[in-house]
Amino acid sequence: MSDHSSDGVSDGVITPQETVERALALSEADGCVVIVDEGSTANLRFAGNTLTTNGVARSSRLTVISVVGAGVGVVSRSAVRDGQLADVVAAADRAAREARPSEDARPLVDMDRVGTDEAGTEAAGWDRPVEPTSIDVFGEFAPALGEAFAAADASGRRLYGFAEHIVTSTFVGSSTGLRLRHDQPTGRLELNAKSADLARSAWTGVATRDFADVDVAALDATLTRRLDWAKRRIDLEPGRYETILPPTAVSDLMIYLYWSSGARDAADGRTVFSRPGGGTRVGERLSPHPISLYSDPAHAGIACTPFVVAHSSGREQSVFDNGLPLGRTEWISDGTLANLVQTRHSAELTGLAATPQIDNLVMEGPAGGRSLEEMVASTERGLLLTCLWYIREVDPQSLLLTGLTRDGVYLVENGEVVGEVNNFRFNESPVDLLGRLTEVGASLPTLPREWGDWFNRAVMPPVRVPDFNMSTVSQAS
């Protein structure tokens, strides 16, 4: 599952499809789910207008989930070879026999539950070989980056950052007949520009599936403009300011909201989505605006796995749900909390629909939303953020978050950016913000800066907050 010997003779490596079939055949448990994740990564790193490193890596991981009665055993190993397979399966079977009954135990998903259309779509490529990424994915991007380096040299700027492309092929097979596969490309570019004296800094980033849509020249032009804005420095005191948050900052806040939307925790009274006196806030209006926050595996440009892949059980996922089909799920609909993340088990406890987590997130406001530039042009006086950083939770009951601004906070007066201000520490709750927004702009694909390592399929709008809480001045730069 990683590579073969140079003379073409197998060195104990078997295909992921063979791994699934052999593991299922070896299991003596009542039921079994086998997950194989085959990954490949290509990356470029650069600093000071010079490419510093590049490389390609491969990985593989096998997860065997054995079920005996209501007990479950899970064993996960990296780079498992043919001769090691029996030991991994035996360990999972043994763990299941020794386990206490699992409270989330449910019948394993079968192909009837998946449905003919979904099964046909996802199983159609089951036998196709894994196609890893390679350095060739940067074939058009790399020359454009070189041109940006030359332009930066000529104007006394320095560019830093990295580009990364990952392809993960996930195979899910079960004793109930599941044979599902999904190939997921994930790419991102983070680009940081600094003045020659390193006193001014600006950041931008994009998510991409294949780097064919990355406009390096446009990104560099954005950074150049922001460095020019920063030539004038304005010191501001902490306080509440009218603030425009760009899509990247909005995505970091909304992703944290999404990660905190477990139905089980809400029903147990632990989170901001808990209803005082018991139950959840599903059905409660969170915003006066017709805001939608949803996930959709088929959303163009940010498509993701259309079935549950759970390597372990927890409060928001269950190994028994592996293979359960996923479709568009509204978390907030027309400003009202519509669903919370949960398993089949927690759905029975809460009385709500089973709505597992999905690996993308979209926020949309009213039709006709303006662009970030148009929102700036209509601002009498306020702040324009670049991005948020070092976000941490302060209070789960209100979902109060704290964090820092970074790489450019700008003062806007009479529709023009007049200079860069100092960085701040902020204290805000994304749930509370939804009720205070005065404008929601046009949504577009974006890269979360804080959470991009773990979640980067997002479509978000810029938003205007009349009183964003900049609690203290930060010395971060």
Protein backbone atom coordinates (compact mmCIF):
# COMPACT_ATOMS: atom_id res chain seq x y z
CA MET A 1 0.00 0.00 0.00
CA SER A 2 3.00 2.33 -0.11
CA ASP A 3 5.22 1.23 -3.02
CA HIS A 4 6.77 -1.77 -4.78
CA SER A 5 10.33 -2.96 -5.09
CA SER A 6 12.31 -1.60 -8.01
CA ASP A 7 12.43 -4.91 -9.89
CA GLY A 8 8.64 -5.05 -10.01
CA VAL A 9 8.39 -8.01 -7.62
CA SER A 10 5.85 -7.55 -4.86
CA ASP A 11 7.42 -6.99 -1.43
CA GLY A 12 4.27 -7.83 0.51
CA VAL A 13 2.30 -4.82 -0.65
CA ILE A 14 -1.27 -5.44 -1.78
CA THR A 15 -3.83 -3.12 -3.29
CA PRO A 16 -6.33 -1.39 -1.02
CA GLN A 17 -9.14 -3.36 -2.66
CA GLU A 18 -7.35 -6.63 -1.91
CA THR A 19 -6.72 -5.47 1.64
CA VAL A 20 -10.43 -4.86 2.20
CA GLU A 21 -11.45 -8.25 0.80
CA ARG A 22 -8.79 -10.23 2.66
CA ALA A 23 -9.45 -8.47 5.97
CA LEU A 24 -13.19 -9.16 5.70
CA ALA A 25 -12.49 -12.81 4.89
CA LEU A 26 -10.12 -13.15 7.87
CA SER A 27 -12.51 -11.66 10.43
CA GLU A 28 -14.37 -14.09 12.68
CA ALA A 29 -16.53 -11.36 14.23
CA ASP A 30 -20.30 -11.08 13.85
CA GLY A 31 -19.76 -8.04 11.64
CA CYS A 32 -16.79 -6.16 10.23
CA VAL A 33 -16.02 -2.85 8.56
CA VAL A 34 -12.66 -2.25 6.86
CA ILE A 35 -11.41 1.21 5.91
CA VAL A 36 -8.30 1.79 3.83
CA ASP A 37 -7.00 5.34 3.32
CA GLU A 38 -4.35 5.76 0.61
CA GLY A 39 -2.76 9.21 0.67
CA SER A 40 -0.23 11.12 -1.39
CA THR A 41 1.12 14.64 -0.92
CA ALA A 42 3.09 17.02 -3.12
CA ASN A 43 4.40 20.32 -1.81
CA LEU A 44 6.46 23.38 -2.64
CA ARG A 45 7.90 25.71 -0.01
CA PHE A 46 9.47 29.09 -0.64
CA ALA A 47 11.04 31.96 1.28
CA GLY A 48 12.55 35.30 0.29
CA ASN A 49 11.47 34.91 -3.37
CA THR A 50 13.24 31.55 -3.65
CA LEU A 51 11.95 28.00 -3.80
CA THR A 52 13.45 26.21 -0.80
CA THR A 53 12.05 22.67 -0.84
CA ASN A 54 9.75 20.41 -2.76
CA GLY A 55 8.75 16.82 -2.29
CA VAL A 56 6.27 14.01 -2.64
CA ALA A 57 5.18 11.56 0.05
CA ARG A 58 2.89 8.52 0.20
CA SER A 59 0.97 7.06 3.12
CA SER A 60 -1.53 4.32 3.86
CA ARG A 61 -3.66 3.42 6.84
CA LEU A 62 -5.81 0.40 7.57
CA THR A 63 -8.66 0.47 10.09
CA VAL A 64 -10.46 -2.73 11.04
CA ILE A 65 -13.72 -2.41 13.00
CA SER A 66 -14.96 -5.74 14.39
CA VAL A 67 -18.37 -6.22 16.02
CA VAL A 68 -19.22 -9.08 18.37
CA GLY A 69 -22.71 -8.78 19.79
CA ALA A 70 -22.87 -5.15 20.87
CA GLY A 71 -19.13 -4.97 21.53
CA VAL A 72 -16.82 -3.27 19.07
CA GLY A 73 -13.06 -3.43 18.60
CA VAL A 74 -11.13 -0.96 16.47
CA VAL A 75 -7.50 -1.40 15.40
CA SER A 76 -5.77 1.05 13.08
CA ARG A 77 -2.27 0.65 11.62
CA SER A 78 -0.12 2.40 9.05
CA ALA A 79 1.57 0.71 6.06
CA VAL A 80 0.19 -2.77 6.74
CA ARG A 81 1.64 -5.46 4.49
CA ASP A 82 0.04 -8.72 3.44
CA GLY A 83 1.83 -10.77 6.09
CA GLN A 84 0.69 -8.43 8.86
CA LEU A 85 -2.98 -8.35 7.91
CA ALA A 86 -4.09 -11.41 9.89
CA ASP A 87 -2.59 -10.01 13.10
CA VAL A 88 -4.43 -6.69 12.71
CA VAL A 89 -7.77 -8.41 12.07
CA ALA A 90 -7.26 -10.84 14.96
CA ALA A 91 -6.49 -7.92 17.28
CA ALA A 92 -9.72 -6.15 16.27
CA ASP A 93 -11.77 -9.34 16.71
CA ARG A 94 -10.22 -9.94 20.13
CA ALA A 95 -10.90 -6.35 21.23
CA ALA A 96 -14.55 -6.71 20.17
CA ARG A 97 -14.98 -9.93 22.15
CA GLU A 98 -13.51 -8.29 25.26
CA ALA A 99 -15.36 -4.97 24.91
CA ARG A 100 -18.35 -3.88 26.92
CA PRO A 101 -21.57 -3.36 24.93
CA SER A 102 -21.39 -0.10 22.94
CA GLU A 103 -24.25 2.31 23.57
CA ASP A 104 -24.17 3.40 19.92
CA ALA A 105 -24.45 -0.17 18.59
CA ARG A 106 -26.76 -0.31 15.58
CA PRO A 107 -27.06 -2.66 12.59
CA LEU A 108 -24.20 -2.04 10.17
CA VAL A 109 -25.17 -0.09 7.07
CA ASP A 110 -25.76 -2.26 4.01
CA MET A 111 -26.10 -1.51 0.31
CA ASP A 112 -29.89 -1.42 0.58
CA ARG A 113 -29.54 1.45 3.04
CA VAL A 114 -27.06 3.22 0.79
CA GLY A 115 -29.44 3.04 -2.16
CA THR A 116 -28.96 2.04 -5.77
CA ASP A 117 -27.96 5.44 -7.13
CA GLU A 118 -25.42 6.23 -4.44
CA ALA A 119 -24.02 2.71 -4.45
CA GLY A 120 -23.62 2.73 -8.21
CA THR A 121 -21.90 6.10 -8.18
CA GLU A 122 -19.45 5.38 -5.40
CA ALA A 123 -18.73 1.74 -6.20
CA ALA A 124 -18.29 2.26 -9.94
CA GLY A 125 -14.60 3.07 -9.54
CA TRP A 126 -13.90 0.48 -6.85
CA ASP A 127 -11.47 -1.57 -8.95
CA ARG A 128 -9.66 1.38 -10.50
CA PRO A 129 -6.02 1.77 -9.37
CA VAL A 130 -5.18 4.58 -6.97
CA GLU A 131 -3.83 7.60 -8.83
CA PRO A 132 -1.53 9.55 -6.50
CA THR A 133 -0.73 13.19 -6.88
CA SER A 134 2.71 14.25 -8.06
CA ILE A 135 4.85 17.34 -8.45
CA ASP A 136 3.27 17.67 -11.92
CA VAL A 137 0.18 19.18 -10.28
CA PHE A 138 2.22 22.40 -10.03
CA GLY A 139 3.06 22.37 -13.77
CA GLU A 140 1.27 25.65 -14.56
CA PHE A 141 1.38 27.10 -11.08
CA ALA A 142 5.18 26.97 -10.59
CA PRO A 143 6.09 29.21 -13.57
CA ALA A 144 3.49 31.76 -12.43
CA LEU A 145 5.03 31.68 -8.97
CA GLY A 146 8.45 32.29 -10.52
CA GLU A 147 7.09 35.38 -12.28
CA ALA A 148 5.73 36.62 -8.96
CA PHE A 149 9.18 36.13 -7.41
CA ALA A 150 10.74 38.24 -10.17
CA ALA A 151 8.15 41.00 -9.73
CA ALA A 152 8.68 40.97 -5.96
CA ASP A 153 12.46 41.23 -6.39
CA ALA A 154 12.03 44.19 -8.71
CA SER A 155 9.82 46.08 -6.24
CA GLY A 156 11.69 45.25 -3.06
CA ARG A 157 9.19 42.77 -1.64
CA ARG A 158 9.76 39.27 -0.32
CA LEU A 159 7.36 36.37 -0.78
CA TYR A 160 7.09 33.45 1.62
CA GLY A 161 4.73 30.50 1.81
CA PHE A 162 3.88 27.03 0.61
CA ALA A 163 1.69 25.13 -1.80
CA GLU A 164 0.36 21.69 -0.93
CA HIS A 165 -1.71 19.12 -2.81
CA ILE A 166 -3.11 15.98 -1.20
CA VAL A 167 -5.09 13.16 -2.78
CA THR A 168 -6.73 10.67 -0.43
CA SER A 169 -8.47 7.57 -1.77
CA THR A 170 -10.76 6.04 0.84
CA PHE A 171 -12.13 2.49 0.50
CA VAL A 172 -14.89 1.25 2.81
CA GLY A 173 -15.98 -2.40 2.75
CA SER A 174 -18.15 -4.32 5.17
CA SER A 175 -19.50 -7.75 5.92
CA THR A 176 -22.93 -6.36 4.98
CA GLY A 177 -21.83 -5.79 1.40
CA LEU A 178 -20.58 -2.20 1.40
CA ARG A 179 -17.99 -1.45 -1.27
CA LEU A 180 -17.63 2.31 -1.35
CA ARG A 181 -14.78 4.46 -2.60
CA HIS A 182 -14.09 8.18 -2.70
CA ASP A 183 -11.07 10.05 -4.12
CA GLN A 184 -10.58 13.42 -2.45
CA PRO A 185 -8.21 16.08 -3.83
CA THR A 186 -7.29 18.85 -1.38
CA GLY A 187 -5.01 21.75 -2.23
CA ARG A 188 -4.07 25.08 -0.71
CA LEU A 189 -1.69 27.96 -1.27
CA GLU A 190 -0.64 30.30 1.53
CA LEU A 191 1.24 33.40 0.43
CA ASN A 192 2.85 35.98 2.69
CA ALA A 193 4.46 39.18 1.43
CA LYS A 194 6.83 41.34 3.46
CA SER A 195 8.53 44.65 2.87
CA ALA A 196 12.31 44.61 2.43
CA ASP A 197 12.83 45.66 6.06
CA LEU A 198 10.30 43.02 7.22
CA ALA A 199 8.34 45.73 9.05
CA ARG A 200 5.16 45.27 6.97
CA SER A 201 3.43 41.97 6.31
CA ALA A 202 0.36 40.81 4.40
CA TRP A 203 -1.18 37.36 3.92
CA THR A 204 -3.57 35.70 1.52
CA GLY A 205 -4.47 32.12 0.72
CA VAL A 206 -6.70 30.01 -1.50
CA ALA A 207 -8.08 26.49 -1.48
CA THR A 208 -8.05 24.53 -4.71
CA ARG A 209 -8.67 21.03 -6.02
CA ASP A 210 -5.91 21.01 -8.67
CA PHE A 211 -4.10 24.42 -8.80
CA ALA A 212 -5.46 25.05 -12.29
CA ASP A 213 -7.65 27.87 -10.95
CA VAL A 214 -4.98 29.65 -8.85
CA ASP A 215 -4.23 33.17 -10.14
CA VAL A 216 -0.86 33.93 -8.59
CA ALA A 217 -0.57 37.36 -10.22
CA ALA A 218 -3.92 38.47 -8.77
CA LEU A 219 -2.98 37.23 -5.31
CA ASP A 220 0.36 39.03 -5.49
CA ALA A 221 -1.39 42.23 -6.58
CA THR A 222 -3.64 42.00 -3.51
CA LEU A 223 -0.61 41.63 -1.24
CA THR A 224 1.17 44.55 -2.92
CA ARG A 225 -1.85 46.77 -2.35
CA ARG A 226 -2.03 45.81 1.32
CA LEU A 227 1.67 46.48 1.87
CA ASP A 228 1.12 49.94 0.37
CA TRP A 229 -1.77 50.53 2.78
CA ALA A 230 0.55 49.62 5.66
CA LYS A 231 3.02 52.41 4.85
CA ARG A 232 0.93 54.63 7.11
CA ARG A 233 0.63 53.35 10.68
CA ILE A 234 -2.26 54.40 12.92
CA ASP A 235 -2.48 53.37 16.59
CA LEU A 236 -5.95 52.66 17.95
CA GLU A 237 -7.16 51.88 21.44
CA PRO A 238 -9.08 48.68 22.16
CA GLY A 239 -12.85 48.91 21.91
CA ARG A 240 -15.84 47.98 19.80
CA TYR A 241 -15.47 48.96 16.15
CA GLU A 242 -17.55 48.61 13.06
CA THR A 243 -15.61 45.85 11.33
CA ILE A 244 -15.69 44.15 7.95
CA LEU A 245 -14.60 40.52 8.15
CA PRO A 246 -13.45 38.94 4.84
CA PRO A 247 -14.57 35.41 3.92
CA THR A 248 -11.44 33.77 5.36
CA ALA A 249 -12.08 35.24 8.83
CA VAL A 250 -15.78 34.37 8.62
CA SER A 251 -14.89 30.78 7.71
CA ASP A 252 -12.70 30.34 10.77
CA LEU A 253 -15.53 31.52 13.04
CA MET A 254 -18.26 29.49 11.32
CA ILE A 255 -16.15 26.32 11.24
CA TYR A 256 -15.69 26.58 15.00
CA LEU A 257 -19.45 27.05 15.35
CA TYR A 258 -19.94 23.94 13.19
CA TRP A 259 -17.44 21.91 15.21
CA SER A 260 -19.34 22.92 18.36
CA SER A 261 -22.76 21.89 17.08
CA GLY A 262 -22.93 18.33 18.42
CA ALA A 263 -26.52 17.37 19.22
CA ARG A 264 -25.55 15.05 22.10
CA ASP A 265 -23.62 17.77 23.94
CA ALA A 266 -26.39 20.30 23.27
CA ALA A 267 -29.06 17.93 24.61
CA ASP A 268 -26.92 17.35 27.71
CA GLY A 269 -26.84 21.10 28.44
CA ARG A 270 -23.14 21.59 27.66
CA THR A 271 -23.09 24.06 24.75
CA VAL A 272 -24.41 27.27 23.30
CA PHE A 273 -27.01 25.17 21.44
CA SER A 274 -28.53 23.85 24.70
CA ARG A 275 -32.01 25.10 25.52
CA PRO A 276 -32.38 26.44 29.08
CA GLY A 277 -34.41 23.89 31.01
CA GLY A 278 -33.48 21.02 28.71
CA GLY A 279 -33.31 20.01 25.07
CA THR A 280 -31.70 21.86 22.19
CA ARG A 281 -32.23 25.20 20.47
CA VAL A 282 -33.19 23.60 17.14
CA GLY A 283 -36.02 25.71 15.73
CA GLU A 284 -34.78 28.91 17.42
CA ARG A 285 -33.99 31.97 15.32
CA LEU A 286 -30.31 32.94 15.56
CA SER A 287 -30.23 35.82 13.06
CA PRO A 288 -32.72 38.38 11.75
CA HIS A 289 -31.17 37.88 8.32
CA PRO A 290 -32.14 34.98 6.00
CA ILE A 291 -28.76 33.34 6.54
CA SER A 292 -28.15 29.75 5.50
CA LEU A 293 -25.30 27.63 6.83
CA TYR A 294 -25.19 24.22 5.21
CA SER A 295 -23.03 21.34 4.03
CA ASP A 296 -23.43 19.54 0.71
CA PRO A 297 -21.10 16.77 -0.50
CA ALA A 298 -21.99 17.62 -4.10
CA HIS A 299 -21.39 21.38 -3.88
CA ALA A 300 -19.44 22.48 -6.96
CA GLY A 301 -15.78 23.19 -6.26
CA ILE A 302 -15.82 21.86 -2.69
CA ALA A 303 -17.25 18.36 -3.25
CA CYS A 304 -16.39 15.88 -0.50
CA THR A 305 -17.06 12.32 0.66
CA PRO A 306 -20.80 11.57 0.22
CA PHE A 307 -20.95 8.85 2.88
CA VAL A 308 -19.93 8.51 6.51
CA VAL A 309 -16.34 7.44 7.17
CA ALA A 310 -15.85 6.93 10.91
CA HIS A 311 -12.57 5.44 12.12
CA SER A 312 -13.75 5.57 15.76
CA SER A 313 -16.87 6.30 17.77
CA GLY A 314 -17.47 9.46 19.77
CA ARG A 315 -20.25 11.81 20.72
CA GLU A 316 -20.60 13.05 17.15
CA GLN A 317 -19.69 9.99 15.07
CA SER A 318 -20.24 6.25 15.22
CA VAL A 319 -18.38 3.39 13.55
CA PHE A 320 -21.76 1.71 13.08
CA ASP A 321 -22.75 4.53 10.70
CA ASN A 322 -19.95 3.84 8.21
CA GLY A 323 -21.32 4.04 4.69
CA LEU A 324 -24.44 6.00 5.65
CA PRO A 325 -25.25 8.30 2.70
CA LEU A 326 -24.77 12.05 3.13
CA GLY A 327 -26.72 14.76 1.34
CA ARG A 328 -27.21 18.48 1.65
CA THR A 329 -27.88 19.32 5.31
CA GLU A 330 -29.06 22.74 6.50
CA TRP A 331 -27.54 23.62 9.86
CA ILE A 332 -29.02 27.13 9.86
CA SER A 333 -31.91 27.81 7.49
CA ASP A 334 -33.34 31.30 6.92
CA GLY A 335 -31.61 32.42 10.12
CA THR A 336 -33.07 29.57 12.21
CA LEU A 337 -31.13 26.68 13.77
CA ALA A 338 -32.31 23.69 11.72
CA ASN A 339 -30.05 20.73 12.61
CA LEU A 340 -27.18 19.67 14.83
CA VAL A 341 -24.45 17.12 14.10
CA GLN A 342 -25.32 13.63 15.28
CA THR A 343 -25.32 9.89 14.73
CA ARG A 344 -28.21 7.45 14.39
CA HIS A 345 -27.80 6.72 18.10
CA SER A 346 -27.88 10.33 19.29
CA ALA A 347 -30.80 11.03 16.93
CA GLU A 348 -32.84 8.49 18.87
CA LEU A 349 -31.90 10.22 22.14
CA THR A 350 -32.73 13.74 20.92
CA GLY A 351 -35.70 12.95 18.72
CA LEU A 352 -34.09 14.82 15.83
CA ALA A 353 -33.00 13.63 12.40
CA ALA A 354 -29.72 11.72 12.01
CA THR A 355 -27.43 14.34 10.45
CA PRO A 356 -23.76 13.25 10.45
CA GLN A 357 -20.94 15.73 9.95
CA ILE A 358 -19.95 16.56 6.36
CA ASP A 359 -16.52 17.80 5.28
CA ASN A 360 -17.49 21.15 3.77
CA LEU A 361 -19.37 24.26 4.86
CA VAL A 362 -21.24 27.01 3.00
CA MET A 363 -22.69 30.25 4.37
CA GLU A 364 -25.01 32.37 2.26
CA GLY A 365 -26.91 35.56 2.96
CA PRO A 366 -29.67 37.36 1.09
CA ALA A 367 -29.48 37.39 -2.71
CA GLY A 368 -27.63 40.32 -4.23
CA GLY A 369 -24.94 40.56 -1.55
CA ARG A 370 -22.11 42.97 -2.28
CA SER A 371 -18.44 42.16 -2.74
CA LEU A 372 -15.83 42.90 -0.08
CA GLU A 373 -14.59 45.87 -2.14
CA GLU A 374 -18.11 47.29 -2.44
CA MET A 375 -18.64 46.94 1.30
CA VAL A 376 -15.40 48.83 1.99
CA ALA A 377 -16.41 51.58 -0.43
CA SER A 378 -19.64 52.18 1.51
CA THR A 379 -17.97 52.35 4.92
CA GLU A 380 -17.83 55.76 6.64
CA ARG A 381 -15.42 54.64 9.33
CA GLY A 382 -14.47 51.15 10.39
CA LEU A 383 -11.89 48.39 10.37
CA LEU A 384 -11.08 45.90 7.62
CA LEU A 385 -9.54 42.66 8.86
CA THR A 386 -7.29 40.36 6.88
CA CYS A 387 -7.54 37.18 8.94
CA LEU A 388 -7.82 35.74 12.44
CA TRP A 389 -5.23 33.64 14.25
CA TYR A 390 -4.71 31.59 17.42
CA ILE A 391 -8.44 31.14 18.05
CA ARG A 392 -9.32 29.48 21.35
CA GLU A 393 -12.57 28.78 23.20
CA VAL A 394 -13.25 30.72 26.39
CA ASP A 395 -16.79 29.63 27.28
CA PRO A 396 -18.66 26.72 25.63
CA GLN A 397 -22.01 27.85 27.05
CA SER A 398 -21.90 31.02 24.93
CA LEU A 399 -19.24 29.81 22.47
CA LEU A 400 -17.15 32.83 23.38
CA LEU A 401 -13.90 32.71 21.42
CA THR A 402 -10.72 34.70 21.76
CA GLY A 403 -7.94 35.15 19.24
CA LEU A 404 -5.67 37.60 17.49
CA THR A 405 -5.72 39.61 14.30
CA ARG A 406 -2.70 39.18 12.06
CA ASP A 407 -0.99 40.39 8.87
CA GLY A 408 -3.01 43.52 8.40
CA VAL A 409 -5.86 45.36 10.12
CA TYR A 410 -6.76 48.49 8.15
CA LEU A 411 -8.67 51.67 8.96
CA VAL A 412 -11.34 52.65 6.46
CA GLU A 413 -12.57 56.25 6.28
CA ASN A 414 -15.08 57.55 3.75
CA GLY A 415 -14.82 54.43 1.65
CA GLU A 416 -11.01 54.41 1.43
CA VAL A 417 -8.35 52.48 3.31
CA VAL A 418 -6.21 55.15 4.97
CA GLY A 419 -3.64 53.02 6.79
CA GLU A 420 -2.80 50.00 8.88
CA VAL A 421 -3.64 49.89 12.57
CA ASN A 422 -2.15 47.83 15.39
CA ASN A 423 -3.20 44.23 15.97
CA PHE A 424 -5.82 43.31 18.56
CA ARG A 425 -6.98 40.44 20.68
CA PHE A 426 -10.69 39.89 20.08
CA ASN A 427 -13.42 38.28 22.18
CA GLU A 428 -16.52 37.24 20.25
CA SER A 429 -19.06 34.45 19.92
CA PRO A 430 -19.88 33.44 16.34
CA VAL A 431 -23.43 32.57 17.46
CA ASP A 432 -23.89 36.02 18.99
CA LEU A 433 -22.38 37.62 15.88
CA LEU A 434 -25.08 36.06 13.69
CA GLY A 435 -27.65 38.12 15.57
CA ARG A 436 -25.69 41.38 15.25
CA LEU A 437 -24.63 41.39 11.60
CA THR A 438 -25.72 44.44 9.65
CA GLU A 439 -24.61 43.17 6.25
CA VAL A 440 -23.84 39.82 4.61
CA GLY A 441 -22.00 40.03 1.29
CA ALA A 442 -21.66 37.71 -1.68
CA SER A 443 -20.27 34.25 -0.89
CA LEU A 444 -17.20 32.85 -2.59
CA PRO A 445 -14.71 30.00 -2.02
CA THR A 446 -12.18 30.78 0.67
CA LEU A 447 -9.34 29.28 2.71
CA PRO A 448 -9.64 29.36 6.51
CA ARG A 449 -6.30 30.49 7.85
CA GLU A 450 -6.55 29.07 11.36
CA TRP A 451 -8.26 25.80 10.50
CA GLY A 452 -6.97 25.22 6.96
CA ASP A 453 -4.85 22.25 8.08
CA TRP A 454 -8.00 20.37 9.08
CA PHE A 455 -10.87 21.92 7.15
CA ASN A 456 -10.47 23.88 3.92
CA ARG A 457 -13.60 23.28 1.82
CA ALA A 458 -15.55 26.45 2.57
CA VAL A 459 -17.65 29.03 0.74
CA MET A 460 -18.25 32.15 2.84
CA PRO A 461 -19.37 35.79 2.51
CA PRO A 462 -17.74 38.93 3.87
CA VAL A 463 -19.82 40.35 6.74
CA ARG A 464 -20.20 43.67 8.53
CA VAL A 465 -20.37 43.77 12.33
CA PRO A 466 -21.28 47.13 13.92
CA ASP A 467 -19.47 46.49 17.20
CA PHE A 468 -16.78 43.82 16.89
CA ASN A 469 -15.07 43.50 20.26
CA MET A 470 -11.35 44.31 20.03
CA SER A 471 -10.70 43.67 23.72
CA THR A 472 -7.01 44.53 23.99
CA VAL A 473 -4.12 45.67 21.83
CA SER A 474 -1.86 42.81 20.72
CA GLN A 475 1.87 43.02 20.13
CA ALA A 476 1.66 40.21 17.56
CA SER A 477 3.07 41.06 14.16
